[in-house]
């Protein structure tokens, strides 16, 4: 069984996660502004990092990556599909 973990329409869109690492307080404030401007979800907030989820077209995701690289010292990017496989449920005998 394949399920969508995002609850977002992804027709003609790409799911992308960006982790901003080694954030100062000011960096975190800027990440929150970027998330609001680009309608991103902040899915995890660590002591010195933030993880954002974007569901945009590939071209728009390219522009976001460029902006994030210019603004922050250390980022990680994961791009891909929007589905995952739910645990396989075997019937009991």
PDB file of N, CA and C in Angstrom:
ATOM      1  N   UNK A   1       0.850  -1.176   0.000  1.00  0.00           N
ATOM      2  CA  UNK A   1       0.000   0.000   0.000  1.00  0.00           C
ATOM      3  C   UNK A   1       0.890   1.231   0.000  1.00  0.00           C
ATOM      4  N   UNK A   2       0.622   2.163  -0.881  1.00  0.00           N
ATOM      5  CA  UNK A   2       1.401   3.397  -0.969  1.00  0.00           C
ATOM      6  C   UNK A   2       0.544   4.539  -0.429  1.00  0.00           C
ATOM      7  N   UNK A   3       1.127   5.356   0.446  1.00  0.00           N
ATOM      8  CA  UNK A   3       0.387   6.477   1.019  1.00  0.00           C
ATOM      9  C   UNK A   3       1.174   7.767   0.853  1.00  0.00           C
ATOM     10  N   UNK A   4       0.482   8.872   0.928  1.00  0.00           N
ATOM     11  CA  UNK A   4       1.078  10.204   0.829  1.00  0.00           C
ATOM     12  C   UNK A   4       1.266  10.737   2.243  1.00  0.00           C
ATOM     13  N   UNK A   5       2.500  11.033   2.621  1.00  0.00           N
ATOM     14  CA  UNK A   5       2.785  11.511   3.970  1.00  0.00           C
ATOM     15  C   UNK A   5       2.655  13.020   4.127  1.00  0.00           C
ATOM     16  N   UNK A   6       2.428  13.747   3.058  1.00  0.00           N
ATOM     17  CA  UNK A   6       2.458  15.215   3.126  1.00  0.00           C
ATOM     18  C   UNK A   6       1.087  15.846   3.274  1.00  0.00           C
ATOM     19  N   UNK A   7       0.028  15.152   2.917  1.00  0.00           N
ATOM     20  CA  UNK A   7      -1.313  15.736   2.867  1.00  0.00           C
ATOM     21  C   UNK A   7      -1.345  16.982   1.989  1.00  0.00           C
ATOM     22  N   UNK A   8      -0.471  17.038   0.983  1.00  0.00           N
ATOM     23  CA  UNK A   8      -0.397  18.168   0.062  1.00  0.00           C
ATOM     24  C   UNK A   8      -0.584  17.661  -1.358  1.00  0.00           C
ATOM     25  N   UNK A   9      -1.259  18.447  -2.169  1.00  0.00           N
ATOM     26  CA  UNK A   9      -1.384  18.100  -3.569  1.00  0.00           C
ATOM     27  C   UNK A   9      -0.019  18.288  -4.225  1.00  0.00           C
ATOM     28  N   UNK A  10       0.458  17.270  -4.907  1.00  0.00           N
ATOM     29  CA  UNK A  10       1.787  17.345  -5.496  1.00  0.00           C
ATOM     30  C   UNK A  10       1.758  17.171  -7.020  1.00  0.00           C
ATOM     31  N   UNK A  11       0.617  17.385  -7.627  1.00  0.00           N
ATOM     32  CA  UNK A  11       0.525  17.281  -9.077  1.00  0.00           C
ATOM     33  C   UNK A  11       1.465  18.304  -9.708  1.00  0.00           C
ATOM     34  N   UNK A  12       2.380  17.825 -10.530  1.00  0.00           N
ATOM     35  CA  UNK A  12       3.368  18.679 -11.199  1.00  0.00           C
ATOM     36  C   UNK A  12       4.267  19.408 -10.202  1.00  0.00           C
ATOM     37  N   UNK A  13       4.404  18.873  -9.004  1.00  0.00           N
ATOM     38  CA  UNK A  13       5.240  19.496  -7.996  1.00  0.00           C
ATOM     39  C   UNK A  13       6.228  18.483  -7.458  1.00  0.00           C
ATOM     40  N   UNK A  14       7.226  18.995  -6.790  1.00  0.00           N
ATOM     41  CA  UNK A  14       8.276  18.161  -6.233  1.00  0.00           C
ATOM     42  C   UNK A  14       8.344  18.411  -4.727  1.00  0.00           C
ATOM     43  N   UNK A  15       8.527  17.347  -3.990  1.00  0.00           N
ATOM     44  CA  UNK A  15       8.699  17.455  -2.547  1.00  0.00           C
ATOM     45  C   UNK A  15      10.183  17.668  -2.264  1.00  0.00           C
ATOM     46  N   UNK A  16      10.494  18.659  -1.432  1.00  0.00           N
ATOM     47  CA  UNK A  16      11.882  18.951  -1.113  1.00  0.00           C
ATOM     48  C   UNK A  16      12.006  19.282   0.364  1.00  0.00           C
ATOM     49  N   UNK A  17      13.056  18.774   0.978  1.00  0.00           N
ATOM     50  CA  UNK A  17      13.377  19.109   2.363  1.00  0.00           C
ATOM     51  C   UNK A  17      14.703  19.850   2.379  1.00  0.00           C
ATOM     52  N   UNK A  18      14.768  20.931   3.157  1.00  0.00           N
ATOM     53  CA  UNK A  18      16.002  21.688   3.331  1.00  0.00           C
ATOM     54  C   UNK A  18      16.272  21.784   4.826  1.00  0.00           C
ATOM     55  N   UNK A  19      17.454  21.329   5.220  1.00  0.00           N
ATOM     56  CA  UNK A  19      17.862  21.447   6.615  1.00  0.00           C
ATOM     57  C   UNK A  19      18.913  22.548   6.701  1.00  0.00           C
ATOM     58  N   UNK A  20      18.624  23.547   7.512  1.00  0.00           N
ATOM     59  CA  UNK A  20      19.580  24.624   7.753  1.00  0.00           C
ATOM     60  C   UNK A  20      20.291  24.284   9.054  1.00  0.00           C
ATOM     61  N   UNK A  21      21.604  24.123   8.970  1.00  0.00           N
ATOM     62  CA  UNK A  21      22.384  23.696  10.128  1.00  0.00           C
ATOM     63  C   UNK A  21      23.190  24.872  10.677  1.00  0.00           C
ATOM     64  N   UNK A  22      23.641  24.707  11.914  1.00  0.00           N
ATOM     65  CA  UNK A  22      24.457  25.708  12.602  1.00  0.00           C
ATOM     66  C   UNK A  22      23.796  27.088  12.570  1.00  0.00           C
ATOM     67  N   UNK A  23      22.530  27.131  12.972  1.00  0.00           N
ATOM     68  CA  UNK A  23      21.736  28.367  12.962  1.00  0.00           C
ATOM     69  C   UNK A  23      21.978  29.202  14.215  1.00  0.00           C
ATOM     70  N   UNK A  24      22.136  30.480  14.005  1.00  0.00           N
ATOM     71  CA  UNK A  24      22.080  31.420  15.117  1.00  0.00           C
ATOM     72  C   UNK A  24      20.610  31.796  15.318  1.00  0.00           C
ATOM     73  N   UNK A  25      20.335  32.553  16.342  1.00  0.00           N
ATOM     74  CA  UNK A  25      18.958  33.014  16.570  1.00  0.00           C
ATOM     75  C   UNK A  25      18.470  33.849  15.391  1.00  0.00           C
ATOM     76  N   UNK A  26      19.347  34.705  14.870  1.00  0.00           N
ATOM     77  CA  UNK A  26      18.989  35.542  13.720  1.00  0.00           C
ATOM     78  C   UNK A  26      18.733  34.689  12.481  1.00  0.00           C
ATOM     79  N   UNK A  27      19.551  33.642  12.305  1.00  0.00           N
ATOM     80  CA  UNK A  27      19.336  32.722  11.183  1.00  0.00           C
ATOM     81  C   UNK A  27      17.964  32.065  11.280  1.00  0.00           C
ATOM     82  N   UNK A  28      17.606  31.621  12.482  1.00  0.00           N
ATOM     83  CA  UNK A  28      16.296  30.980  12.663  1.00  0.00           C
ATOM     84  C   UNK A  28      15.158  31.935  12.326  1.00  0.00           C
ATOM     85  N   UNK A  29      15.295  33.187  12.734  1.00  0.00           N
ATOM     86  CA  UNK A  29      14.265  34.176  12.398  1.00  0.00           C
ATOM     87  C   UNK A  29      14.135  34.334  10.893  1.00  0.00           C
ATOM     88  N   UNK A  30      15.277  34.340  10.186  1.00  0.00           N
ATOM     89  CA  UNK A  30      15.249  34.460   8.727  1.00  0.00           C
ATOM     90  C   UNK A  30      14.634  33.216   8.088  1.00  0.00           C
ATOM     91  N   UNK A  31      14.926  32.039   8.631  1.00  0.00           N
ATOM     92  CA  UNK A  31      14.332  30.802   8.111  1.00  0.00           C
ATOM     93  C   UNK A  31      12.814  30.848   8.255  1.00  0.00           C
ATOM     94  N   UNK A  32      12.319  31.330   9.384  1.00  0.00           N
ATOM     95  CA  UNK A  32      10.873  31.434   9.575  1.00  0.00           C
ATOM     96  C   UNK A  32      10.263  32.410   8.571  1.00  0.00           C
ATOM     97  N   UNK A  33      10.960  33.512   8.273  1.00  0.00           N
ATOM     98  CA  UNK A  33      10.449  34.463   7.263  1.00  0.00           C
ATOM     99  C   UNK A  33      10.412  33.817   5.881  1.00  0.00           C
ATOM    100  N   UNK A  34      11.474  33.087   5.533  1.00  0.00           N
ATOM    101  CA  UNK A  34      11.515  32.401   4.234  1.00  0.00           C
ATOM    102  C   UNK A  34      10.405  31.355   4.158  1.00  0.00           C
ATOM    103  N   UNK A  35      10.206  30.606   5.234  1.00  0.00           N
ATOM    104  CA  UNK A  35       9.147  29.584   5.260  1.00  0.00           C
ATOM    105  C   UNK A  35       7.786  30.218   5.017  1.00  0.00           C
ATOM    106  N   UNK A  36       7.544  31.345   5.656  1.00  0.00           N
ATOM    107  CA  UNK A  36       6.257  32.023   5.458  1.00  0.00           C
ATOM    108  C   UNK A  36       6.111  32.536   4.030  1.00  0.00           C
ATOM    109  N   UNK A  37       7.169  33.122   3.480  1.00  0.00           N
ATOM    110  CA  UNK A  37       7.117  33.683   2.129  1.00  0.00           C
ATOM    111  C   UNK A  37       6.899  32.614   1.064  1.00  0.00           C
ATOM    112  N   UNK A  38       7.476  31.424   1.271  1.00  0.00           N
ATOM    113  CA  UNK A  38       7.394  30.359   0.272  1.00  0.00           C
ATOM    114  C   UNK A  38       6.410  29.264   0.651  1.00  0.00           C
ATOM    115  N   UNK A  39       5.587  29.518   1.656  1.00  0.00           N
ATOM    116  CA  UNK A  39       4.562  28.575   2.089  1.00  0.00           C
ATOM    117  C   UNK A  39       5.159  27.205   2.403  1.00  0.00           C
ATOM    118  N   UNK A  40       6.274  27.227   3.145  1.00  0.00           N
ATOM    119  CA  UNK A  40       6.944  25.993   3.554  1.00  0.00           C
ATOM    120  C   UNK A  40       6.495  25.617   4.951  1.00  0.00           C
ATOM    121  N   UNK A  41       6.635  24.339   5.265  1.00  0.00           N
ATOM    122  CA  UNK A  41       6.346  23.841   6.609  1.00  0.00           C
ATOM    123  C   UNK A  41       7.665  23.647   7.338  1.00  0.00           C
ATOM    124  N   UNK A  42       7.731  24.069   8.579  1.00  0.00           N
ATOM    125  CA  UNK A  42       8.881  23.739   9.408  1.00  0.00           C
ATOM    126  C   UNK A  42       8.510  22.443  10.118  1.00  0.00           C
ATOM    127  N   UNK A  43       9.182  21.361   9.736  1.00  0.00           N
ATOM    128  CA  UNK A  43       8.810  20.039  10.240  1.00  0.00           C
ATOM    129  C   UNK A  43       9.653  19.582  11.415  1.00  0.00           C
ATOM    130  N   UNK A  44      10.783  20.254  11.660  1.00  0.00           N
ATOM    131  CA  UNK A  44      11.601  19.914  12.824  1.00  0.00           C
ATOM    132  C   UNK A  44      12.439  21.120  13.209  1.00  0.00           C
ATOM    133  N   UNK A  45      12.547  21.321  14.496  1.00  0.00           N
ATOM    134  CA  UNK A  45      13.307  22.451  15.019  1.00  0.00           C
ATOM    135  C   UNK A  45      14.261  21.931  16.090  1.00  0.00           C
ATOM    136  N   UNK A  46      15.546  21.989  15.807  1.00  0.00           N
ATOM    137  CA  UNK A  46      16.554  21.551  16.764  1.00  0.00           C
ATOM    138  C   UNK A  46      17.186  22.739  17.457  1.00  0.00           C
ATOM    139  N   UNK A  47      18.136  22.462  18.319  1.00  0.00           N
ATOM    140  CA  UNK A  47      18.821  23.511  19.066  1.00  0.00           C
ATOM    141  C   UNK A  47      19.499  24.501  18.123  1.00  0.00           C
ATOM    142  N   UNK A  48      20.164  23.990  17.093  1.00  0.00           N
ATOM    143  CA  UNK A  48      20.845  24.883  16.153  1.00  0.00           C
ATOM    144  C   UNK A  48      20.549  24.521  14.689  1.00  0.00           C
ATOM    145  N   UNK A  49      19.356  23.938  14.440  1.00  0.00           N
ATOM    146  CA  UNK A  49      18.984  23.584  13.074  1.00  0.00           C
ATOM    147  C   UNK A  49      17.470  23.632  12.893  1.00  0.00           C
ATOM    148  N   UNK A  50      17.073  23.787  11.633  1.00  0.00           N
ATOM    149  CA  UNK A  50      15.655  23.764  11.259  1.00  0.00           C
ATOM    150  C   UNK A  50      15.508  22.933   9.993  1.00  0.00           C
ATOM    151  N   UNK A  51      14.408  22.167   9.917  1.00  0.00           N
ATOM    152  CA  UNK A  51      14.114  21.367   8.738  1.00  0.00           C
ATOM    153  C   UNK A  51      12.816  21.871   8.129  1.00  0.00           C
ATOM    154  N   UNK A  52      12.894  22.261   6.852  1.00  0.00           N
ATOM    155  CA  UNK A  52      11.734  22.784   6.140  1.00  0.00           C
ATOM    156  C   UNK A  52      11.293  21.827   5.057  1.00  0.00           C
ATOM    157  N   UNK A  53       9.979  21.806   4.801  1.00  0.00           N
ATOM    158  CA  UNK A  53       9.403  20.998   3.724  1.00  0.00           C
ATOM    159  C   UNK A  53       8.775  21.948   2.713  1.00  0.00           C
ATOM    160  N   UNK A  54       9.169  21.802   1.466  1.00  0.00           N
ATOM    161  CA  UNK A  54       8.612  22.594   0.373  1.00  0.00           C
ATOM    162  C   UNK A  54       7.900  21.664  -0.590  1.00  0.00           C
ATOM    163  N   UNK A  55       6.763  22.089  -1.127  1.00  0.00           N
ATOM    164  CA  UNK A  55       6.067  21.375  -2.193  1.00  0.00           C
ATOM    165  C   UNK A  55       5.829  22.404  -3.284  1.00  0.00           C
ATOM    166  N   UNK A  56       6.792  22.474  -4.200  1.00  0.00           N
ATOM    167  CA  UNK A  56       6.781  23.471  -5.275  1.00  0.00           C
ATOM    168  C   UNK A  56       7.194  22.793  -6.574  1.00  0.00           C
ATOM    169  N   UNK A  57       7.152  23.533  -7.660  1.00  0.00           N
ATOM    170  CA  UNK A  57       7.666  22.985  -8.914  1.00  0.00           C
ATOM    171  C   UNK A  57       9.187  22.877  -8.808  1.00  0.00           C
ATOM    172  N   UNK A  58       9.772  22.057  -9.648  1.00  0.00           N
ATOM    173  CA  UNK A  58      11.227  21.871  -9.615  1.00  0.00           C
ATOM    174  C   UNK A  58      11.959  23.186  -9.846  1.00  0.00           C
ATOM    175  N   UNK A  59      11.449  24.021 -10.743  1.00  0.00           N
ATOM    176  CA  UNK A  59      12.076  25.317 -11.033  1.00  0.00           C
ATOM    177  C   UNK A  59      12.041  26.225  -9.810  1.00  0.00           C
ATOM    178  N   UNK A  60      10.913  26.258  -9.123  1.00  0.00           N
ATOM    179  CA  UNK A  60      10.813  27.088  -7.922  1.00  0.00           C
ATOM    180  C   UNK A  60      11.697  26.531  -6.804  1.00  0.00           C
ATOM    181  N   UNK A  61      11.788  25.209  -6.705  1.00  0.00           N
ATOM    182  CA  UNK A  61      12.687  24.621  -5.713  1.00  0.00           C
ATOM    183  C   UNK A  61      14.140  24.977  -6.008  1.00  0.00           C
ATOM    184  N   UNK A  62      14.512  25.018  -7.296  1.00  0.00           N
ATOM    185  CA  UNK A  62      15.864  25.440  -7.666  1.00  0.00           C
ATOM    186  C   UNK A  62      16.148  26.852  -7.151  1.00  0.00           C
ATOM    187  N   UNK A  63      15.183  27.745  -7.314  1.00  0.00           N
ATOM    188  CA  UNK A  63      15.350  29.136  -6.856  1.00  0.00           C
ATOM    189  C   UNK A  63      15.463  29.202  -5.334  1.00  0.00           C
ATOM    190  N   UNK A  64      14.703  28.375  -4.642  1.00  0.00           N
ATOM    191  CA  UNK A  64      14.766  28.344  -3.175  1.00  0.00           C
ATOM    192  C   UNK A  64      16.136  27.862  -2.720  1.00  0.00           C
ATOM    193  N   UNK A  65      16.669  26.827  -3.358  1.00  0.00           N
ATOM    194  CA  UNK A  65      17.992  26.321  -2.999  1.00  0.00           C
ATOM    195  C   UNK A  65      19.045  27.409  -3.197  1.00  0.00           C
ATOM    196  N   UNK A  66      18.968  28.117  -4.298  1.00  0.00           N
ATOM    197  CA  UNK A  66      19.923  29.200  -4.572  1.00  0.00           C
ATOM    198  C   UNK A  66      19.857  30.251  -3.469  1.00  0.00           C
ATOM    199  N   UNK A  67      18.656  30.657  -3.097  1.00  0.00           N
ATOM    200  CA  UNK A  67      18.478  31.646  -2.034  1.00  0.00           C
ATOM    201  C   UNK A  67      19.039  31.134  -0.708  1.00  0.00           C
ATOM    202  N   UNK A  68      18.720  29.899  -0.362  1.00  0.00           N
ATOM    203  CA  UNK A  68      19.170  29.331   0.909  1.00  0.00           C
ATOM    204  C   UNK A  68      20.694  29.222   0.956  1.00  0.00           C
ATOM    205  N   UNK A  69      21.325  28.860  -0.158  1.00  0.00           N
ATOM    206  CA  UNK A  69      22.782  28.772  -0.198  1.00  0.00           C
ATOM    207  C   UNK A  69      23.425  30.146  -0.002  1.00  0.00           C
ATOM    208  N   UNK A  70      22.784  31.179  -0.534  1.00  0.00           N
ATOM    209  CA  UNK A  70      23.311  32.537  -0.379  1.00  0.00           C
ATOM    210  C   UNK A  70      23.144  33.054   1.043  1.00  0.00           C
ATOM    211  N   UNK A  71      22.059  32.652   1.709  1.00  0.00           N
ATOM    212  CA  UNK A  71      21.723  33.179   3.038  1.00  0.00           C
ATOM    213  C   UNK A  71      22.410  32.450   4.193  1.00  0.00           C
ATOM    214  N   UNK A  72      22.648  31.141   4.055  1.00  0.00           N
ATOM    215  CA  UNK A  72      23.092  30.328   5.186  1.00  0.00           C
ATOM    216  C   UNK A  72      24.384  29.585   4.861  1.00  0.00           C
ATOM    217  N   UNK A  73      25.183  29.364   5.890  1.00  0.00           N
ATOM    218  CA  UNK A  73      26.494  28.729   5.730  1.00  0.00           C
ATOM    219  C   UNK A  73      26.383  27.243   5.417  1.00  0.00           C
ATOM    220  N   UNK A  74      25.459  26.555   6.075  1.00  0.00           N
ATOM    221  CA  UNK A  74      25.389  25.094   5.940  1.00  0.00           C
ATOM    222  C   UNK A  74      23.948  24.641   5.760  1.00  0.00           C
ATOM    223  N   UNK A  75      23.667  24.058   4.590  1.00  0.00           N
ATOM    224  CA  UNK A  75      22.345  23.484   4.347  1.00  0.00           C
ATOM    225  C   UNK A  75      22.511  22.088   3.756  1.00  0.00           C
ATOM    226  N   UNK A  76      21.484  21.265   3.956  1.00  0.00           N
ATOM    227  CA  UNK A  76      21.375  19.957   3.312  1.00  0.00           C
ATOM    228  C   UNK A  76      20.052  19.949   2.563  1.00  0.00           C
ATOM    229  N   UNK A  77      20.049  19.382   1.376  1.00  0.00           N
ATOM    230  CA  UNK A  77      18.848  19.350   0.546  1.00  0.00           C
ATOM    231  C   UNK A  77      18.534  17.918   0.158  1.00  0.00           C
ATOM    232  N   UNK A  78      17.261  17.538   0.297  1.00  0.00           N
ATOM    233  CA  UNK A  78      16.776  16.245  -0.179  1.00  0.00           C
ATOM    234  C   UNK A  78      15.573  16.527  -1.060  1.00  0.00           C
ATOM    235  N   UNK A  79      15.664  16.065  -2.296  1.00  0.00           N
ATOM    236  CA  UNK A  79      14.567  16.257  -3.247  1.00  0.00           C
ATOM    237  C   UNK A  79      14.060  14.894  -3.668  1.00  0.00           C
ATOM    238  N   UNK A  80      12.755  14.821  -3.918  1.00  0.00           N
ATOM    239  CA  UNK A  80      12.238  13.539  -4.375  1.00  0.00           C
ATOM    240  C   UNK A  80      10.738  13.506  -4.429  1.00  0.00           C
ATOM    241  N   UNK A  81      10.227  12.293  -4.441  1.00  0.00           N
ATOM    242  CA  UNK A  81       8.793  12.077  -4.557  1.00  0.00           C
ATOM    243  C   UNK A  81       8.080  12.321  -3.249  1.00  0.00           C
ATOM    244  N   UNK A  82       6.797  12.128  -3.271  1.00  0.00           N
ATOM    245  CA  UNK A  82       5.966  12.462  -2.112  1.00  0.00           C
ATOM    246  C   UNK A  82       5.345  11.255  -1.447  1.00  0.00           C
ATOM    247  N   UNK A  83       5.723  10.078  -1.870  1.00  0.00           N
ATOM    248  CA  UNK A  83       5.081   8.899  -1.308  1.00  0.00           C
ATOM    249  C   UNK A  83       6.078   8.011  -0.597  1.00  0.00           C
ATOM    250  N   UNK A  84       5.588   7.209   0.289  1.00  0.00           N
ATOM    251  CA  UNK A  84       6.386   6.205   0.983  1.00  0.00           C
ATOM    252  C   UNK A  84       5.560   4.951   1.109  1.00  0.00           C
ATOM    253  N   UNK A  85       6.180   3.892   1.532  1.00  0.00           N
ATOM    254  CA  UNK A  85       5.463   2.630   1.674  1.00  0.00           C
ATOM    255  C   UNK A  85       5.123   2.425   3.137  1.00  0.00           C
ATOM    256  N   UNK A  86       3.849   2.218   3.407  1.00  0.00           N
ATOM    257  CA  UNK A  86       3.397   1.938   4.753  1.00  0.00           C
ATOM    258  C   UNK A  86       3.802   0.504   5.096  1.00  0.00           C
ATOM    259  N   UNK A  87       3.956   0.232   6.367  1.00  0.00           N
ATOM    260  CA  UNK A  87       4.329  -1.114   6.798  1.00  0.00           C
ATOM    261  C   UNK A  87       3.374  -2.139   6.196  1.00  0.00           C
ATOM    262  N   UNK A  88       3.936  -3.233   5.791  1.00  0.00           N
ATOM    263  CA  UNK A  88       3.119  -4.306   5.208  1.00  0.00           C
ATOM    264  C   UNK A  88       2.435  -5.049   6.344  1.00  0.00           C
ATOM    265  N   UNK A  89       1.140  -5.192   6.229  1.00  0.00           N
ATOM    266  CA  UNK A  89       0.356  -5.851   7.272  1.00  0.00           C
ATOM    267  C   UNK A  89       0.039  -7.260   6.815  1.00  0.00           C
ATOM    268  N   UNK A  90       0.563  -8.235   7.526  1.00  0.00           N
ATOM    269  CA  UNK A  90       0.314  -9.645   7.196  1.00  0.00           C
ATOM    270  C   UNK A  90      -0.839 -10.142   8.063  1.00  0.00           C
ATOM    271  N   UNK A  91      -1.744 -10.859   7.450  1.00  0.00           N
ATOM    272  CA  UNK A  91      -2.859 -11.410   8.230  1.00  0.00           C
ATOM    273  C   UNK A  91      -2.351 -12.491   9.151  1.00  0.00           C
ATOM    274  N   UNK A  92      -2.946 -12.578  10.333  1.00  0.00           N
ATOM    275  CA  UNK A  92      -2.539 -13.592  11.293  1.00  0.00           C
ATOM    276  C   UNK A  92      -3.120 -14.939  10.900  1.00  0.00           C
ATOM    277  N   UNK A  93      -2.366 -15.998  11.174  1.00  0.00           N
ATOM    278  CA  UNK A  93      -2.824 -17.346  10.814  1.00  0.00           C
ATOM    279  C   UNK A  93      -3.519 -17.979  11.969  1.00  0.00           C
TER     280      UNK A  93
END
